[in-house]
């Protein structure tokens, strides 16, 4: 029984220390540590007062609850890994899963108040603010966690994204450039920097970022697709075409690239190639891409004087996306069939197209219209200007 008595003294001492910490720090989280310790002590006292010699399983339970778990907690605390902050994090996740965001925020704020230099709490707080669209506060929290762990590049990336969302583009660019100086192969940083530059119409600078990133990631389709988008905005349609093809080759499911390829082929009046790409697009499950593809197929048939087939394609386009009627009404080619088309009530279109991609689709549509209205002399001048821009 001597080993039981020794165990009892150690377990009781740990229980008293934990209880005093609860009183001193006024931290209710210590209750979570006291409960298993108390259960272990109860089992221990039952064995002593009943003169029962505990078996191996009982001893393991007693040691684990009363000694091992508390000691692990003390070690983590000494290593600045606060067990109770982890418990708080579990609470926050629980409240978030229950959509009780106010309670989750309250737990985090209390945790930061008690542990002002807690990396875990500040990081979770930053993510909470970001998720709940409190971007300025999220920015402050990311700056704080960077102070706590200045070598973690992921946090710099998150801060750069917050700067972007807060329209602090210069700070976003500077932060991303600093990341890439330290880690030039960081793909997410390259993609985000290219996006920030693209959004600010710094297209040539964005091309340079993507080209550098391709050296480290030659098989990453996103880089080729972004290059295609950027060259499109530079009106360098041949390079755009080449990069879209590369992106679509690597990722055969990249239907938006195929749609852009079809649009560019139309600008070059290569109707057979355009039709090939649009026929590939109608196989997608994205209704917006499908509707656009059927619209362009109808347009090609109208150009080729195949009005009946054009009307079939146009009606399918309108069934998928009733808003396409607005584009058709502005299109001179559709004048011969517009009155015969079947209109539909507006509906929600299933699509994964983001705002930037939608704007680019519209940009290519407008570019085609502009090219169509140009005289032959104008077209030659535009081509000459494009060639000059390429040389620059």
Protein backbone atom coordinates (compact mmCIF):
# COMPACT_ATOMS: atom_id res chain seq x y z
CA UNK A 1 0.00 0.00 0.00
CA UNK A 2 3.02 2.31 0.37
CA UNK A 3 2.97 3.16 -3.34
CA UNK A 4 -0.74 4.11 -3.02
CA UNK A 5 0.07 6.51 -0.17
CA UNK A 6 2.93 8.10 -2.17
CA UNK A 7 0.61 8.44 -5.13
CA UNK A 8 -2.04 10.05 -2.92
CA UNK A 9 0.41 12.65 -1.59
CA UNK A 10 1.60 13.58 -5.11
CA UNK A 11 -1.93 13.68 -6.55
CA UNK A 12 -3.25 15.75 -3.65
CA UNK A 13 -0.33 18.20 -3.98
CA UNK A 14 -1.01 18.66 -7.70
CA UNK A 15 -4.71 19.17 -6.97
CA UNK A 16 -3.92 21.86 -4.37
CA UNK A 17 -1.49 23.63 -6.76
CA UNK A 18 -4.11 23.66 -9.53
CA UNK A 19 -6.77 24.91 -7.11
CA UNK A 20 -4.50 27.74 -5.91
CA UNK A 21 -3.85 28.72 -9.54
CA UNK A 22 -7.61 28.88 -10.07
CA UNK A 23 -7.97 31.24 -7.09
CA UNK A 24 -4.92 33.36 -7.88
CA UNK A 25 -5.54 33.84 -11.61
CA UNK A 26 -9.33 33.79 -11.36
CA UNK A 27 -9.32 31.58 -14.44
CA UNK A 28 -12.33 29.28 -14.63
CA UNK A 29 -10.55 27.16 -17.23
CA UNK A 30 -8.59 25.49 -14.42
CA UNK A 31 -11.84 23.78 -13.50
CA UNK A 32 -11.34 21.58 -16.56
CA UNK A 33 -8.05 20.41 -15.05
CA UNK A 34 -9.42 20.01 -11.53
CA UNK A 35 -12.26 17.70 -12.61
CA UNK A 36 -10.07 14.76 -13.81
CA UNK A 37 -7.70 15.29 -10.86
CA UNK A 38 -10.64 15.15 -8.46
CA UNK A 39 -11.99 11.97 -10.08
CA UNK A 40 -8.54 10.34 -9.78
CA UNK A 41 -8.33 11.30 -6.11
CA UNK A 42 -11.81 9.91 -5.39
CA UNK A 43 -10.83 6.56 -6.90
CA UNK A 44 -7.61 6.66 -4.85
CA UNK A 45 -9.42 7.40 -1.55
CA UNK A 46 -11.98 4.67 -2.20
CA UNK A 47 -9.14 2.17 -2.62
CA UNK A 48 -7.41 3.37 0.59
CA UNK A 49 -10.47 3.45 2.84
CA UNK A 50 -11.82 0.15 1.48
CA UNK A 51 -8.38 -1.51 1.77
CA UNK A 52 -8.67 -2.50 -1.89
CA UNK A 53 -5.44 -3.14 -3.76
CA UNK A 54 -6.14 -1.57 -7.20
CA UNK A 55 -5.40 -3.64 -10.31
CA UNK A 56 -3.27 -2.46 -13.24
CA UNK A 57 -6.11 -0.80 -15.19
CA UNK A 58 -7.33 1.11 -12.13
CA UNK A 59 -3.79 2.32 -11.41
CA UNK A 60 -3.37 3.54 -15.01
CA UNK A 61 -6.65 5.49 -14.78
CA UNK A 62 -5.65 7.02 -11.43
CA UNK A 63 -2.16 8.02 -12.59
CA UNK A 64 -3.47 9.44 -15.87
CA UNK A 65 -6.23 11.54 -14.33
CA UNK A 66 -4.44 12.78 -11.23
CA UNK A 67 -0.79 13.09 -12.29
CA UNK A 68 -0.02 12.63 -16.00
CA UNK A 69 -2.67 15.00 -17.43
CA UNK A 70 -1.88 17.83 -14.94
CA UNK A 71 1.89 17.46 -15.47
CA UNK A 72 1.44 17.63 -19.25
CA UNK A 73 -0.60 20.80 -18.69
CA UNK A 74 2.18 22.35 -16.56
CA UNK A 75 4.83 21.44 -19.15
CA UNK A 76 2.78 22.99 -21.97
CA UNK A 77 2.27 26.10 -19.86
CA UNK A 78 6.02 26.42 -19.25
CA UNK A 79 6.56 26.04 -23.02
CA UNK A 80 4.15 28.93 -23.66
CA UNK A 81 1.61 26.48 -25.06
CA UNK A 82 -1.33 27.22 -22.82
CA UNK A 83 -3.60 24.23 -22.46
CA UNK A 84 -6.49 26.46 -21.50
CA UNK A 85 -6.16 28.49 -24.65
CA UNK A 86 -6.54 25.25 -26.57
CA UNK A 87 -9.67 24.58 -24.52
CA UNK A 88 -10.87 28.08 -25.41
CA UNK A 89 -10.22 27.36 -29.06
CA UNK A 90 -12.38 24.26 -28.79
CA UNK A 91 -15.11 26.42 -27.23
CA UNK A 92 -14.85 28.92 -30.08
CA UNK A 93 -15.12 26.17 -32.69
CA UNK A 94 -18.13 24.75 -30.85
CA UNK A 95 -19.91 28.12 -30.79
CA UNK A 96 -19.08 28.78 -34.45
CA UNK A 97 -20.48 25.40 -35.46
CA UNK A 98 -23.66 26.36 -33.61
CA UNK A 99 -23.68 29.77 -35.40
CA UNK A 100 -23.29 31.51 -32.04
CA UNK A 101 -20.70 33.99 -33.31
CA UNK A 102 -21.16 36.52 -30.51
CA UNK A 103 -20.31 33.90 -27.88
CA UNK A 104 -17.29 32.78 -29.92
CA UNK A 105 -16.05 36.37 -30.10
CA UNK A 106 -16.60 36.85 -26.36
CA UNK A 107 -14.47 33.77 -25.53
CA UNK A 108 -11.66 35.00 -27.80
CA UNK A 109 -11.65 38.53 -26.37
CA UNK A 110 -11.49 37.18 -22.81
CA UNK A 111 -8.68 34.82 -23.78
CA UNK A 112 -6.67 37.69 -25.33
CA UNK A 113 -7.31 39.84 -22.25
CA UNK A 114 -5.82 37.14 -19.99
CA UNK A 115 -3.08 36.15 -22.45
CA UNK A 116 -2.21 39.31 -24.43
CA UNK A 117 0.77 37.65 -26.15
CA UNK A 118 -1.06 34.48 -27.12
CA UNK A 119 -0.32 33.59 -30.73
CA UNK A 120 -3.16 31.05 -30.84
CA UNK A 121 -5.82 33.46 -29.58
CA UNK A 122 -4.73 36.40 -31.75
CA UNK A 123 -4.61 34.16 -34.85
CA UNK A 124 -8.09 32.82 -34.19
CA UNK A 125 -9.32 36.34 -33.51
CA UNK A 126 -7.87 37.53 -36.84
CA UNK A 127 -9.60 34.68 -38.64
CA UNK A 128 -12.86 35.47 -36.83
CA UNK A 129 -12.73 39.14 -37.86
CA UNK A 130 -11.86 38.17 -41.43
CA UNK A 131 -14.71 35.66 -41.63
CA UNK A 132 -17.18 38.17 -40.19
CA UNK A 133 -16.10 40.94 -42.56
CA UNK A 134 -14.46 43.17 -39.93
CA UNK A 135 -11.45 43.74 -42.16
CA UNK A 136 -9.80 46.63 -40.32
CA UNK A 137 -9.78 44.68 -37.04
CA UNK A 138 -8.52 41.60 -38.87
CA UNK A 139 -5.66 43.69 -40.22
CA UNK A 140 -4.66 44.74 -36.68
CA UNK A 141 -4.74 41.13 -35.45
CA UNK A 142 -2.59 39.85 -38.33
CA UNK A 143 -0.03 42.57 -37.60
CA UNK A 144 -0.04 41.42 -33.98
CA UNK A 145 0.50 37.73 -34.79
CA UNK A 146 3.33 38.68 -37.17
CA UNK A 147 4.98 40.49 -34.24
CA UNK A 148 4.62 37.29 -32.20
CA UNK A 149 5.90 34.98 -34.99
CA UNK A 150 7.80 37.11 -37.52
CA UNK A 151 9.15 34.14 -39.50
CA UNK A 152 5.76 32.69 -40.46
CA UNK A 153 5.27 33.74 -44.11
CA UNK A 154 1.71 32.45 -44.26
CA UNK A 155 0.65 35.21 -41.87
CA UNK A 156 2.27 37.84 -44.10
CA UNK A 157 0.29 36.40 -47.01
CA UNK A 158 -2.96 36.66 -45.05
CA UNK A 159 -2.10 40.25 -44.09
CA UNK A 160 -1.39 41.10 -47.74
CA UNK A 161 -4.79 39.72 -48.70
CA UNK A 162 -6.45 41.81 -45.98
CA UNK A 163 -4.60 44.90 -47.26
CA UNK A 164 -5.98 44.10 -50.72
CA UNK A 165 -9.54 43.76 -49.41
CA UNK A 166 -9.12 47.01 -47.48
CA UNK A 167 -7.96 48.63 -50.77
CA UNK A 168 -4.50 49.35 -49.37
CA UNK A 169 -2.89 48.15 -52.56
CA UNK A 170 0.57 49.65 -52.06
CA UNK A 171 0.92 47.92 -48.68
CA UNK A 172 -0.33 44.68 -50.20
CA UNK A 173 2.19 44.84 -53.04
CA UNK A 174 5.06 45.72 -50.68
CA UNK A 175 4.19 42.86 -48.29
CA UNK A 176 3.99 40.34 -51.14
CA UNK A 177 7.25 41.54 -52.66
CA UNK A 178 8.93 41.07 -49.27
CA UNK A 179 7.57 37.51 -49.09
CA UNK A 180 8.86 36.66 -52.58
CA UNK A 181 12.29 38.08 -51.79
CA UNK A 182 12.49 35.60 -48.90
CA UNK A 183 10.79 32.74 -50.73
CA UNK A 184 10.61 33.33 -54.51
CA UNK A 185 8.97 29.94 -55.14
CA UNK A 186 5.94 30.77 -52.91
CA UNK A 187 3.12 30.11 -55.41
CA UNK A 188 0.25 31.66 -53.43
CA UNK A 189 2.22 34.87 -52.94
CA UNK A 190 2.93 35.09 -56.69
CA UNK A 191 -0.72 34.48 -57.56
CA UNK A 192 -1.93 37.09 -55.08
CA UNK A 193 0.63 39.68 -56.19
CA UNK A 194 -0.33 39.09 -59.82
CA UNK A 195 -3.99 39.51 -58.88
CA UNK A 196 -3.36 42.79 -57.04
CA UNK A 197 -1.40 44.17 -60.00
CA UNK A 198 -4.06 42.96 -62.45
CA UNK A 199 -6.85 44.60 -60.42
CA UNK A 200 -4.92 47.87 -60.56
CA UNK A 201 -4.47 47.51 -64.35
CA UNK A 202 -0.70 47.08 -63.97
CA UNK A 203 -0.84 44.30 -66.55
CA UNK A 204 2.79 44.31 -67.70
CA UNK A 205 3.99 44.09 -64.11
CA UNK A 206 1.57 41.20 -63.49
CA UNK A 207 2.95 39.34 -66.53
CA UNK A 208 6.46 39.65 -65.05
CA UNK A 209 5.32 38.13 -61.75
CA UNK A 210 3.59 35.20 -63.47
CA UNK A 211 6.57 34.55 -65.75
CA UNK A 212 8.90 34.39 -62.75
CA UNK A 213 6.53 32.03 -60.92
CA UNK A 214 6.34 29.69 -63.92
CA UNK A 215 10.10 29.07 -63.55
CA UNK A 216 9.37 27.40 -60.20
CA UNK A 217 5.99 25.89 -61.11
CA UNK A 218 6.00 24.97 -64.82
CA UNK A 219 3.07 22.59 -64.36
CA UNK A 220 0.71 24.99 -62.55
CA UNK A 221 -2.28 25.69 -64.83
CA UNK A 222 -3.42 28.71 -62.74
CA UNK A 223 -0.30 30.64 -63.75
CA UNK A 224 -0.89 30.02 -67.46
CA UNK A 225 -4.56 30.93 -67.14
CA UNK A 226 -3.69 34.16 -65.32
CA UNK A 227 -1.13 34.93 -68.02
CA UNK A 228 -3.86 34.41 -70.62
CA UNK A 229 -6.19 36.78 -68.77
CA UNK A 230 -3.48 39.41 -68.40
CA UNK A 231 -2.37 39.25 -72.04
CA UNK A 232 -6.04 39.58 -73.01
CA UNK A 233 -6.20 42.90 -71.15
CA UNK A 234 -3.01 43.94 -72.95
CA UNK A 235 -4.82 43.17 -76.24
CA UNK A 236 -2.03 40.72 -77.03
CA UNK A 237 -4.46 38.06 -78.17
CA UNK A 238 -1.91 35.73 -79.73
CA UNK A 239 0.01 35.36 -76.46
CA UNK A 240 -3.29 35.14 -74.56
CA UNK A 241 -4.34 32.33 -76.87
CA UNK A 242 -1.10 30.43 -76.33
CA UNK A 243 -1.36 30.63 -72.54
CA UNK A 244 -5.04 29.71 -72.46
CA UNK A 245 -4.22 26.63 -74.55
CA UNK A 246 -1.45 25.67 -72.14
CA UNK A 247 -3.78 26.11 -69.15
CA UNK A 248 -6.54 24.07 -70.81
CA UNK A 249 -4.04 21.35 -71.73
CA UNK A 250 -2.86 20.99 -68.13
CA UNK A 251 -6.39 21.21 -66.73
CA UNK A 252 -8.86 19.79 -69.23
CA UNK A 253 -11.76 20.92 -66.98
CA UNK A 254 -10.87 24.61 -67.35
CA UNK A 255 -13.91 25.50 -69.44
CA UNK A 256 -13.61 29.26 -68.97
CA UNK A 257 -10.23 29.16 -70.76
CA UNK A 258 -11.84 27.31 -73.66
CA UNK A 259 -14.60 29.93 -73.79
CA UNK A 260 -11.97 32.70 -73.93
CA UNK A 261 -10.13 30.78 -76.65
CA UNK A 262 -13.34 30.62 -78.67
CA UNK A 263 -13.90 34.35 -78.18
CA UNK A 264 -10.35 35.16 -79.33
CA UNK A 265 -10.76 32.89 -82.37
CA UNK A 266 -13.90 34.87 -83.24
CA UNK A 267 -11.93 38.12 -83.06
CA UNK A 268 -9.47 36.61 -85.55
CA UNK A 269 -12.50 35.43 -87.63
CA UNK A 270 -11.35 31.81 -87.36
CA UNK A 271 -14.91 30.49 -87.13
CA UNK A 272 -14.06 26.81 -87.41
CA UNK A 273 -11.64 26.97 -84.49
CA UNK A 274 -14.06 29.11 -82.48
CA UNK A 275 -16.86 26.60 -83.05
CA UNK A 276 -14.58 23.78 -81.90
CA UNK A 277 -13.94 25.50 -78.56
CA UNK A 278 -17.58 26.48 -78.04
CA UNK A 279 -18.70 22.91 -78.73
CA UNK A 280 -16.33 21.77 -75.96
CA UNK A 281 -17.83 24.37 -73.59
CA UNK A 282 -21.40 23.09 -73.94
CA UNK A 283 -20.30 19.86 -72.21
CA UNK A 284 -19.66 21.73 -68.94
CA UNK A 285 -22.08 21.82 -65.99
CA UNK A 286 -21.57 25.58 -65.61
CA UNK A 287 -24.76 27.15 -66.97
CA UNK A 288 -23.23 30.57 -67.61
CA UNK A 289 -20.44 29.11 -69.74
CA UNK A 290 -22.95 26.89 -71.54
CA UNK A 291 -25.24 29.86 -72.26
CA UNK A 292 -22.33 31.94 -73.57
CA UNK A 293 -21.12 29.05 -75.76
CA UNK A 294 -24.57 28.50 -77.28
CA UNK A 295 -24.87 32.25 -77.91
CA UNK A 296 -21.60 32.26 -79.84
CA UNK A 297 -22.53 29.10 -81.73
CA UNK A 298 -25.75 30.85 -82.76
CA UNK A 299 -23.72 33.88 -83.83
CA UNK A 300 -21.43 31.75 -86.01
CA UNK A 301 -24.46 30.11 -87.65
CA UNK A 302 -25.98 33.54 -88.33
CA UNK A 303 -22.72 34.69 -89.91
CA UNK A 304 -22.88 31.57 -92.10
CA UNK A 305 -26.57 32.25 -92.94
CA UNK A 306 -27.78 29.11 -91.11
CA UNK A 307 -30.66 30.88 -89.38
CA UNK A 308 -32.68 27.82 -88.32
CA UNK A 309 -29.74 26.23 -86.51
CA UNK A 310 -28.84 29.62 -85.06
CA UNK A 311 -32.33 29.94 -83.59
CA UNK A 312 -32.01 26.49 -81.95
CA UNK A 313 -28.72 27.44 -80.32
CA UNK A 314 -30.06 30.87 -79.25
CA UNK A 315 -33.12 29.33 -77.59
CA UNK A 316 -30.93 26.88 -75.63
CA UNK A 317 -28.77 29.83 -74.51
CA UNK A 318 -31.86 31.70 -73.28
CA UNK A 319 -33.19 28.64 -71.50
CA UNK A 320 -29.91 28.31 -69.59
CA UNK A 321 -29.57 32.04 -68.88
CA UNK A 322 -32.57 34.27 -69.72
CA UNK A 323 -30.39 37.39 -69.30
CA UNK A 324 -28.57 36.54 -72.54
CA UNK A 325 -31.48 38.21 -74.37
CA UNK A 326 -29.93 41.58 -73.47
CA UNK A 327 -26.72 40.67 -75.31
CA UNK A 328 -28.63 39.26 -78.29
CA UNK A 329 -30.76 42.39 -78.59
CA UNK A 330 -27.60 44.50 -78.99
CA UNK A 331 -26.06 42.11 -81.52
CA UNK A 332 -26.83 43.14 -85.14
CA UNK A 333 -26.49 39.54 -86.33
CA UNK A 334 -29.45 38.49 -84.17
CA UNK A 335 -31.78 41.04 -85.74
CA UNK A 336 -33.18 38.47 -88.19
CA UNK A 337 -34.25 36.01 -85.47
CA UNK A 338 -34.69 38.09 -82.31
CA UNK A 339 -38.47 38.33 -82.68
CA UNK A 340 -38.82 34.57 -83.02
CA UNK A 341 -36.89 33.59 -79.91
CA UNK A 342 -38.60 32.07 -76.89
CA UNK A 343 -38.21 34.23 -73.79
CA UNK A 344 -37.97 32.84 -70.25
CA UNK A 345 -38.47 34.23 -66.76
CA UNK A 346 -35.28 35.24 -64.99
CA UNK A 347 -33.68 32.53 -62.85
CA UNK A 348 -30.58 31.86 -60.79
CA UNK A 349 -27.84 30.56 -63.06
CA UNK A 350 -25.56 27.85 -61.67
CA UNK A 351 -22.00 29.03 -62.24
CA UNK A 352 -18.52 29.07 -60.73
CA UNK A 353 -17.47 32.08 -62.81
CA UNK A 354 -16.10 34.83 -60.56
CA UNK A 355 -16.48 38.56 -61.13
CA UNK A 356 -13.07 38.95 -62.74
CA UNK A 357 -13.73 36.14 -65.24
CA UNK A 358 -17.20 37.52 -66.01
CA UNK A 359 -15.67 40.94 -66.68
CA UNK A 360 -13.10 39.37 -69.01
CA UNK A 361 -15.83 37.54 -70.96
CA UNK A 362 -17.60 40.89 -71.39
CA UNK A 363 -14.30 42.55 -72.32
CA UNK A 364 -13.74 40.06 -75.14
CA UNK A 365 -17.36 40.48 -76.29
CA UNK A 366 -16.86 44.25 -76.45
CA UNK A 367 -13.49 43.84 -78.19
CA UNK A 368 -15.15 41.71 -80.88
CA UNK A 369 -17.83 44.38 -81.37
CA UNK A 370 -15.21 47.12 -81.65
CA UNK A 371 -13.17 45.14 -84.19
CA UNK A 372 -16.34 44.43 -86.21
CA UNK A 373 -17.10 48.16 -86.49
CA UNK A 374 -13.61 49.13 -87.64
CA UNK A 375 -12.81 49.85 -91.28
CA UNK A 376 -9.94 47.99 -92.91
CA UNK A 377 -7.59 50.97 -92.38
CA UNK A 378 -8.61 51.18 -88.72
CA UNK A 379 -7.98 47.44 -88.28
CA UNK A 380 -4.48 47.77 -89.73
CA UNK A 381 -3.73 50.70 -87.40
CA UNK A 382 -4.98 48.77 -84.36
CA UNK A 383 -2.84 45.78 -85.33
CA UNK A 384 0.17 48.10 -85.75
CA UNK A 385 -0.43 49.60 -82.27
CA UNK A 386 -0.69 46.13 -80.74
CA UNK A 387 2.59 45.09 -82.35
CA UNK A 388 4.28 48.22 -80.99
CA UNK A 389 3.02 47.43 -77.49
CA UNK A 390 4.45 43.92 -77.77
CA UNK A 391 7.86 45.28 -78.73
CA UNK A 392 7.81 47.62 -75.71
